Amino acid sequence: MNKLNNLQILRAIAASSVVFTHAFMTYSEKIQQTESYYYNHGGDLGVKLFFCISGFIIYRSAMQLETAKNQAYYFLIRRLIRIAPIYWIATLVYVYKDILLGMFPNGQELLFSLFFLPFIRDDLGLMRPVLGLGWSLNYEMFFYVVLSISIFITTQRRFTFILGVLLIFLILFHDGSAYERRDIYEYGYQLLATNYLYYFIVGMAVGKFGNSLLRYVYSFSGSLIPLLIVFEIGLYLTILSVFESFRLYSEILDLILCTVILCQSYVADVTQKADRKPYSRIKSSLILAGDGSYSTYLFHWLLLGITARIITFFDITIAPLTYAVNMVVLCNIMGILMYTYIEKPLTASLNTRYAKKVKYKYQPVK
């Protein structure tokens, strides 16, 4: 697919929201040692935006492939190369950190973590791999497998097939009591049958119907979309904090917000390509931050922990908001550097070696 720059900016916003939330968590646990500054929903919303973007981009990528066995195989290989190696590096760094602190990982849990098999951590009671951030990748890999199977089906029926599989999976296996069972290594797939799958469906729907409808619905200038989205998310979280105090929160609110934001970003990309306007330095930086968003997501815990220890050791006084904002900037810079010098060359090298023996046979997305 051609690069959609506003969606890359949306990736940067999603990753930054996760970093921002985890920065408050780190401040509470390691600097001030209180829970008063911890608010989780911003990070959860960032992950949901990631799922929407993935649903959109990966679905459209799969739709461009002709129906053939080798196309499905190399689609899955390329997705594995894109996701797994840098995640394995991040996991091994985390394990090494734990070993230095005298904590040794469970061998079975480490194996399950590295191969994206969901399980419940005994110490947390949640679906978390050894590197806790990797829980979202379990959903990503499940989605990739379903899409790779869909490539065996004619293009016209792929959307219906994928939608059907996800909905049937939700209906058959959604089970709130799955978190209570200790035999979760045998029934780990039930942990994936949650509301998060709806966000992949939202992304697919925008990818399916975007060309024929959405460009006529929104008329925002592409250059204003990132600022508009940041304002919308901030306003939404403010309203949501009030709603939650009255127990009025509903998943449908997140679905609506994610749908609107994804539509705005996609339409901005369509209109901006037509206008061929040059990018400002700020927008170029945001696009680059979107390129590095995966590395930012996987490794921000390391930078948060290091800075918290430095602040604590030197007894530096810093407000929680100041700390969180600075960490968003620093973690995005780290993500850009890691993408440029590690993630991008590693992915390109592995693709050249393993995923270019059979060329993709593209067809236009209708």
Protein backbone atom coordinates (compact mmCIF):
# COMPACT_ATOMS: atom_id res chain seq x y z
CA MET A 1 0.00 0.00 0.00
CA ASN A 2 1.00 3.62 -0.50
CA LYS A 3 1.94 5.26 2.76
CA LEU A 4 -0.96 7.06 4.46
CA ASN A 5 0.77 9.82 6.37
CA ASN A 6 -2.14 10.99 8.51
CA LEU A 7 -2.63 7.41 9.68
CA GLN A 8 1.06 7.35 10.58
CA ILE A 9 0.46 10.47 12.67
CA LEU A 10 -2.46 8.67 14.28
CA ARG A 11 -0.07 5.86 15.18
CA ALA A 12 2.19 8.41 16.88
CA ILE A 13 -0.79 9.80 18.82
CA ALA A 14 -1.86 6.29 19.86
CA ALA A 15 1.64 5.36 21.03
CA SER A 16 2.00 8.67 22.84
CA SER A 17 -1.25 8.13 24.72
CA VAL A 18 0.07 4.78 25.96
CA VAL A 19 3.37 6.38 27.01
CA PHE A 20 1.53 9.25 28.70
CA THR A 21 -0.60 6.86 30.76
CA HIS A 22 2.33 4.62 31.69
CA ALA A 23 4.38 7.70 32.63
CA PHE A 24 1.76 8.60 35.25
CA MET A 25 1.83 5.00 36.44
CA THR A 26 5.62 5.08 36.74
CA TYR A 27 5.49 8.40 38.56
CA SER A 28 2.97 7.00 41.02
CA GLU A 29 4.80 3.73 41.65
CA LYS A 30 8.48 4.71 41.50
CA ILE A 31 8.77 8.44 42.16
CA GLN A 32 6.00 9.46 44.53
CA GLN A 33 4.86 5.95 45.40
CA THR A 34 1.17 6.68 45.35
CA GLU A 35 -1.74 5.64 43.15
CA SER A 36 -3.26 9.12 43.00
CA TYR A 37 -1.93 9.97 39.54
CA TYR A 38 -2.79 6.73 37.75
CA TYR A 39 -5.50 6.88 35.07
CA ASN A 40 -5.60 3.93 32.71
CA HIS A 41 -8.18 4.75 30.07
CA GLY A 42 -5.92 6.97 27.94
CA GLY A 43 -3.52 4.08 27.33
CA ASP A 44 -6.40 1.68 26.68
CA LEU A 45 -7.79 4.09 24.10
CA GLY A 46 -4.37 4.25 22.42
CA VAL A 47 -4.30 0.46 22.05
CA LYS A 48 -7.81 0.52 20.60
CA LEU A 49 -6.69 3.09 18.03
CA PHE A 50 -3.78 0.79 17.13
CA PHE A 51 -6.25 -2.05 16.56
CA CYS A 52 -8.43 0.18 14.34
CA ILE A 53 -5.44 1.26 12.27
CA SER A 54 -4.28 -2.34 11.96
CA GLY A 55 -7.76 -3.45 10.90
CA PHE A 56 -7.77 -0.78 8.21
CA ILE A 57 -4.24 -1.13 6.81
CA ILE A 58 -3.79 -4.89 7.06
CA TYR A 59 -7.25 -5.58 5.63
CA ARG A 60 -6.57 -3.34 2.63
CA SER A 61 -3.18 -5.00 2.15
CA ALA A 62 -4.81 -8.44 2.14
CA MET A 63 -7.48 -7.24 -0.28
CA GLN A 64 -4.81 -6.29 -2.81
CA LEU A 65 -3.50 -9.85 -3.04
CA GLU A 66 -4.71 -12.34 -5.58
CA THR A 67 -6.23 -15.61 -4.41
CA ALA A 68 -3.30 -18.03 -4.17
CA LYS A 69 -1.62 -20.26 -1.61
CA ASN A 70 1.79 -18.66 -1.95
CA GLN A 71 0.25 -15.19 -1.53
CA ALA A 72 -1.31 -16.19 1.80
CA TYR A 73 1.94 -17.77 2.95
CA TYR A 74 4.09 -14.76 2.19
CA PHE A 75 1.51 -12.34 3.58
CA LEU A 76 1.80 -14.11 6.93
CA ILE A 77 5.59 -14.33 6.69
CA ARG A 78 5.85 -10.59 6.09
CA ARG A 79 3.58 -9.84 9.03
CA LEU A 80 5.65 -12.10 11.28
CA ILE A 81 8.84 -10.39 10.15
CA ARG A 82 7.28 -6.99 10.84
CA ILE A 83 6.04 -7.86 14.34
CA ALA A 84 8.06 -10.69 15.88
CA PRO A 85 11.83 -9.90 15.76
CA ILE A 86 11.69 -6.50 17.44
CA TYR A 87 9.19 -7.88 19.98
CA TRP A 88 11.52 -10.79 20.74
CA ILE A 89 14.37 -8.33 21.29
CA ALA A 90 12.22 -6.25 23.65
CA THR A 91 11.15 -9.38 25.55
CA LEU A 92 14.72 -10.64 25.96
CA VAL A 93 15.85 -7.22 27.18
CA TYR A 94 13.05 -7.32 29.75
CA VAL A 95 14.02 -10.85 30.82
CA TYR A 96 17.66 -9.76 31.17
CA LYS A 97 16.54 -6.86 33.37
CA ASP A 98 14.56 -9.24 35.57
CA ILE A 99 17.53 -11.62 35.88
CA LEU A 100 19.75 -8.72 37.00
CA LEU A 101 17.16 -8.01 39.71
CA GLY A 102 17.18 -11.65 40.80
CA MET A 103 13.88 -12.64 39.14
CA PHE A 104 13.88 -15.60 36.77
CA PRO A 105 11.05 -16.09 34.25
CA ASN A 106 8.93 -19.21 34.04
CA GLY A 107 10.20 -21.16 31.02
CA GLN A 108 6.73 -22.12 29.80
CA GLU A 109 5.45 -18.56 30.15
CA LEU A 110 8.46 -17.23 28.22
CA LEU A 111 7.85 -19.75 25.41
CA PHE A 112 4.16 -18.86 25.22
CA SER A 113 5.07 -15.16 25.23
CA LEU A 114 7.54 -15.42 22.35
CA PHE A 115 5.03 -17.30 20.16
CA PHE A 116 2.01 -15.07 20.89
CA LEU A 117 0.03 -17.72 22.78
CA PRO A 118 -2.28 -16.09 25.35
CA PHE A 119 -2.23 -17.21 28.96
CA ILE A 120 -3.01 -15.83 32.40
CA ARG A 121 -0.15 -14.72 34.61
CA ASP A 122 -0.52 -16.28 38.05
CA ASP A 123 1.01 -13.22 39.71
CA LEU A 124 -1.33 -10.75 37.94
CA GLY A 125 -4.49 -12.70 37.17
CA LEU A 126 -4.48 -11.08 33.69
CA MET A 127 -3.58 -12.07 30.15
CA ARG A 128 -0.04 -10.74 30.11
CA PRO A 129 3.08 -12.25 28.51
CA VAL A 130 6.48 -11.87 30.14
CA LEU A 131 6.75 -8.43 28.55
CA GLY A 132 3.35 -7.16 29.64
CA LEU A 133 2.95 -4.83 26.65
CA GLY A 134 2.88 -7.84 24.36
CA TRP A 135 -0.72 -8.69 25.29
CA SER A 136 -1.97 -6.54 22.41
CA LEU A 137 0.21 -8.48 19.95
CA ASN A 138 -1.74 -11.65 20.74
CA TYR A 139 -4.77 -9.96 19.16
CA GLU A 140 -2.70 -8.69 16.24
CA MET A 141 -1.35 -12.14 15.41
CA PHE A 142 -4.79 -13.70 15.65
CA PHE A 143 -6.10 -11.09 13.21
CA TYR A 144 -3.20 -11.74 10.81
CA VAL A 145 -3.88 -15.48 10.81
CA VAL A 146 -7.56 -14.92 9.98
CA LEU A 147 -6.62 -12.54 7.16
CA SER A 148 -4.04 -14.94 5.75
CA ILE A 149 -6.73 -17.65 5.57
CA SER A 150 -9.06 -15.20 3.81
CA ILE A 151 -6.56 -14.89 0.94
CA PHE A 152 -7.60 -18.40 -0.14
CA ILE A 153 -11.07 -16.93 -0.80
CA THR A 154 -12.09 -14.71 -3.70
CA THR A 155 -11.66 -10.99 -3.10
CA GLN A 156 -15.40 -10.27 -3.15
CA ARG A 157 -16.03 -12.60 -0.21
CA ARG A 158 -13.05 -11.82 2.00
CA PHE A 159 -14.69 -9.08 4.07
CA THR A 160 -17.70 -11.29 4.79
CA PHE A 161 -15.45 -14.21 5.71
CA ILE A 162 -13.25 -12.20 8.10
CA LEU A 163 -16.23 -10.46 9.69
CA GLY A 164 -17.99 -13.79 10.11
CA VAL A 165 -14.98 -15.46 11.73
CA LEU A 166 -14.47 -12.63 14.23
CA LEU A 167 -18.15 -12.43 15.18
CA ILE A 168 -18.55 -16.21 15.47
CA PHE A 169 -15.37 -16.32 17.56
CA LEU A 170 -16.84 -13.67 19.86
CA ILE A 171 -20.17 -15.47 20.13
CA LEU A 172 -18.75 -18.94 20.74
CA PHE A 173 -15.82 -18.19 23.01
CA HIS A 174 -16.56 -14.94 24.84
CA ASP A 175 -16.49 -16.08 28.45
CA GLY A 176 -15.90 -13.75 31.35
CA SER A 177 -15.04 -16.69 33.60
CA ALA A 178 -12.00 -17.57 31.46
CA TYR A 179 -9.88 -15.42 33.78
CA GLU A 180 -10.88 -17.58 36.74
CA ARG A 181 -9.63 -20.89 35.33
CA ARG A 182 -6.15 -22.18 36.02
CA ASP A 183 -6.08 -24.52 32.99
CA ILE A 184 -5.75 -21.46 30.80
CA TYR A 185 -2.86 -22.94 28.80
CA GLU A 186 -5.47 -25.23 27.21
CA TYR A 187 -8.15 -22.57 26.77
CA GLY A 188 -6.05 -19.48 26.13
CA TYR A 189 -7.89 -18.69 22.90
CA GLN A 190 -10.93 -17.72 24.98
CA LEU A 191 -8.93 -14.77 26.30
CA LEU A 192 -8.94 -13.26 22.79
CA ALA A 193 -12.75 -13.31 22.46
CA THR A 194 -13.20 -9.83 23.95
CA ASN A 195 -14.46 -6.43 22.88
CA TYR A 196 -11.04 -5.53 21.46
CA LEU A 197 -11.91 -7.52 18.33
CA TYR A 198 -14.60 -4.97 17.49
CA TYR A 199 -11.89 -2.38 16.83
CA PHE A 200 -10.36 -4.53 14.10
CA ILE A 201 -13.85 -4.75 12.61
CA VAL A 202 -14.16 -0.95 12.72
CA GLY A 203 -10.86 -0.61 10.86
CA MET A 204 -11.93 -3.18 8.27
CA ALA A 205 -15.24 -1.38 7.73
CA VAL A 206 -13.47 1.93 7.08
CA GLY A 207 -11.11 0.13 4.69
CA LYS A 208 -14.03 -1.55 2.92
CA PHE A 209 -16.36 1.42 2.52
CA GLY A 210 -13.99 4.39 2.78
CA ASN A 211 -13.42 4.97 -0.91
CA SER A 212 -17.10 5.10 -1.79
CA LEU A 213 -18.49 7.11 1.12
CA LEU A 214 -16.22 8.73 3.67
CA ARG A 215 -14.39 11.17 1.44
CA TYR A 216 -17.73 12.89 0.77
CA VAL A 217 -18.73 13.07 4.43
CA TYR A 218 -15.75 14.91 5.92
CA SER A 219 -14.32 18.18 4.61
CA PHE A 220 -11.65 18.97 7.23
CA SER A 221 -8.32 20.26 5.99
CA GLY A 222 -5.71 17.53 6.14
CA SER A 223 -3.26 19.86 7.91
CA LEU A 224 -5.69 20.38 10.79
CA ILE A 225 -6.57 16.72 11.37
CA PRO A 226 -3.80 15.90 13.91
CA LEU A 227 -4.66 18.95 16.05
CA LEU A 228 -8.35 18.15 15.78
CA ILE A 229 -7.78 14.56 16.86
CA VAL A 230 -5.64 15.57 19.85
CA PHE A 231 -8.35 18.03 20.89
CA GLU A 232 -11.07 15.40 20.47
CA ILE A 233 -9.19 12.81 22.52
CA GLY A 234 -8.46 15.32 25.29
CA LEU A 235 -12.07 16.48 25.40
CA TYR A 236 -13.30 12.89 25.29
CA LEU A 237 -11.13 11.77 28.19
CA THR A 238 -12.23 14.79 30.21
CA ILE A 239 -15.90 14.00 29.60
CA LEU A 240 -15.27 10.30 30.21
CA SER A 241 -13.68 10.97 33.59
CA VAL A 242 -16.93 12.68 34.61
CA PHE A 243 -19.04 9.89 33.12
CA GLU A 244 -17.07 7.20 34.93
CA SER A 245 -17.63 8.92 38.26
CA PHE A 246 -21.33 8.27 37.66
CA ARG A 247 -20.66 4.78 36.21
CA LEU A 248 -21.96 5.82 32.79
CA TYR A 249 -19.01 4.56 30.71
CA SER A 250 -19.85 2.29 27.81
CA GLU A 251 -17.65 0.54 25.22
CA ILE A 252 -19.80 2.10 22.51
CA LEU A 253 -18.32 5.53 23.31
CA ASP A 254 -14.80 4.29 22.51
CA LEU A 255 -16.01 2.60 19.33
CA ILE A 256 -17.66 5.83 18.13
CA LEU A 257 -14.62 7.97 18.90
CA CYS A 258 -12.19 5.53 17.24
CA THR A 259 -14.41 5.31 14.15
CA VAL A 260 -14.64 9.09 13.79
CA ILE A 261 -10.90 9.59 14.28
CA LEU A 262 -9.97 6.84 11.80
CA CYS A 263 -12.37 8.26 9.21
CA GLN A 264 -10.94 11.76 9.63
CA SER A 265 -7.38 10.54 9.24
CA TYR A 266 -8.15 8.48 6.15
CA VAL A 267 -10.11 11.25 4.44
CA ALA A 268 -7.32 13.71 5.24
CA ASP A 269 -4.88 11.39 3.45
CA VAL A 270 -7.18 11.18 0.42
CA THR A 271 -7.71 14.94 0.16
CA GLN A 272 -4.10 15.82 0.89
CA LYS A 273 -2.78 13.53 -1.85
CA ALA A 274 -5.13 15.28 -4.25
CA ASP A 275 -3.90 18.71 -3.13
CA ARG A 276 -0.22 17.63 -3.12
CA LYS A 277 0.61 20.15 -0.38
CA PRO A 278 4.15 20.08 1.07
CA TYR A 279 4.48 18.89 4.64
CA SER A 280 5.54 21.21 7.42
CA ARG A 281 8.48 20.27 9.65
CA ILE A 282 6.13 19.54 12.52
CA LYS A 283 4.01 17.21 10.41
CA SER A 284 7.10 15.50 9.00
CA SER A 285 8.30 14.91 12.56
CA LEU A 286 4.92 13.46 13.53
CA ILE A 287 5.00 11.14 10.52
CA LEU A 288 8.46 9.98 11.56
CA ALA A 289 7.16 9.42 15.10
CA GLY A 290 4.42 7.27 13.54
CA ASP A 291 7.07 5.24 11.73
CA GLY A 292 8.78 4.59 15.04
CA SER A 293 5.57 4.06 17.04
CA TYR A 294 5.99 0.28 17.29
CA SER A 295 9.46 0.63 18.79
CA THR A 296 8.14 3.40 21.04
CA TYR A 297 5.38 1.10 22.25
CA LEU A 298 7.66 -1.88 22.89
CA PHE A 299 10.56 -0.09 24.58
CA HIS A 300 9.11 2.93 26.39
CA TRP A 301 9.00 0.95 29.67
CA LEU A 302 12.80 0.88 29.63
CA LEU A 303 13.21 4.64 29.31
CA LEU A 304 10.45 5.31 31.86
CA GLY A 305 12.16 3.05 34.39
CA ILE A 306 15.62 4.55 33.84
CA THR A 307 14.45 8.16 34.15
CA ALA A 308 12.39 7.36 37.25
CA ARG A 309 15.45 5.85 38.93
CA ILE A 310 17.56 8.89 38.01
CA ILE A 311 14.93 11.28 39.37
CA THR A 312 14.65 9.26 42.58
CA PHE A 313 18.43 8.87 43.03
CA PHE A 314 19.12 12.61 42.65
CA ASP A 315 15.95 13.58 44.54
CA ILE A 316 14.76 15.76 41.65
CA THR A 317 11.45 17.54 42.16
CA ILE A 318 9.18 17.29 39.15
CA ALA A 319 5.43 17.56 38.71
CA PRO A 320 3.65 14.43 37.36
CA LEU A 321 2.28 16.23 34.28
CA THR A 322 5.72 17.69 33.46
CA TYR A 323 7.26 14.24 33.81
CA ALA A 324 4.60 12.63 31.60
CA VAL A 325 4.88 15.22 28.81
CA ASN A 326 8.67 15.05 28.76
CA MET A 327 8.57 11.27 28.66
CA VAL A 328 6.24 11.34 25.67
CA VAL A 329 8.79 13.46 23.79
CA LEU A 330 11.81 11.39 24.88
CA CYS A 331 10.16 8.05 24.20
CA ASN A 332 9.12 9.14 20.70
CA ILE A 333 12.70 10.24 19.99
CA MET A 334 13.92 6.87 21.25
CA GLY A 335 11.34 5.10 19.05
CA ILE A 336 12.45 7.05 15.97
CA LEU A 337 16.12 6.18 16.60
CA MET A 338 15.35 2.51 17.18
CA TYR A 339 13.18 2.38 14.06
CA THR A 340 15.87 4.03 11.95
CA TYR A 341 18.88 2.04 13.13
CA ILE A 342 17.42 -1.30 14.30
CA GLU A 343 13.81 -2.03 13.35
CA LYS A 344 13.82 -0.80 9.74
CA PRO A 345 17.13 -2.39 8.60
CA LEU A 346 16.32 -5.62 10.46
CA THR A 347 12.90 -5.88 8.82
CA ALA A 348 14.31 -5.07 5.38
CA SER A 349 17.06 -7.69 5.76
CA LEU A 350 14.64 -10.43 6.86
CA ASN A 351 12.19 -9.58 4.07
CA THR A 352 14.96 -9.81 1.51
CA ARG A 353 16.02 -13.19 2.84
CA TYR A 354 12.67 -14.87 3.53
CA ALA A 355 9.78 -12.98 1.94
CA LYS A 356 10.85 -12.05 -1.58
CA LYS A 357 11.14 -15.47 -3.14
CA VAL A 358 7.59 -15.10 -4.37
CA LYS A 359 6.39 -11.65 -5.37
CA TYR A 360 3.05 -10.30 -4.29
CA LYS A 361 0.49 -10.17 -7.08
CA TYR A 362 -1.39 -6.96 -6.38
CA GLN A 363 -4.80 -5.96 -7.64
CA PRO A 364 -6.55 -2.63 -7.07
CA VAL A 365 -8.77 -2.18 -4.00
CA LYS A 366 -12.32 -1.33 -5.03
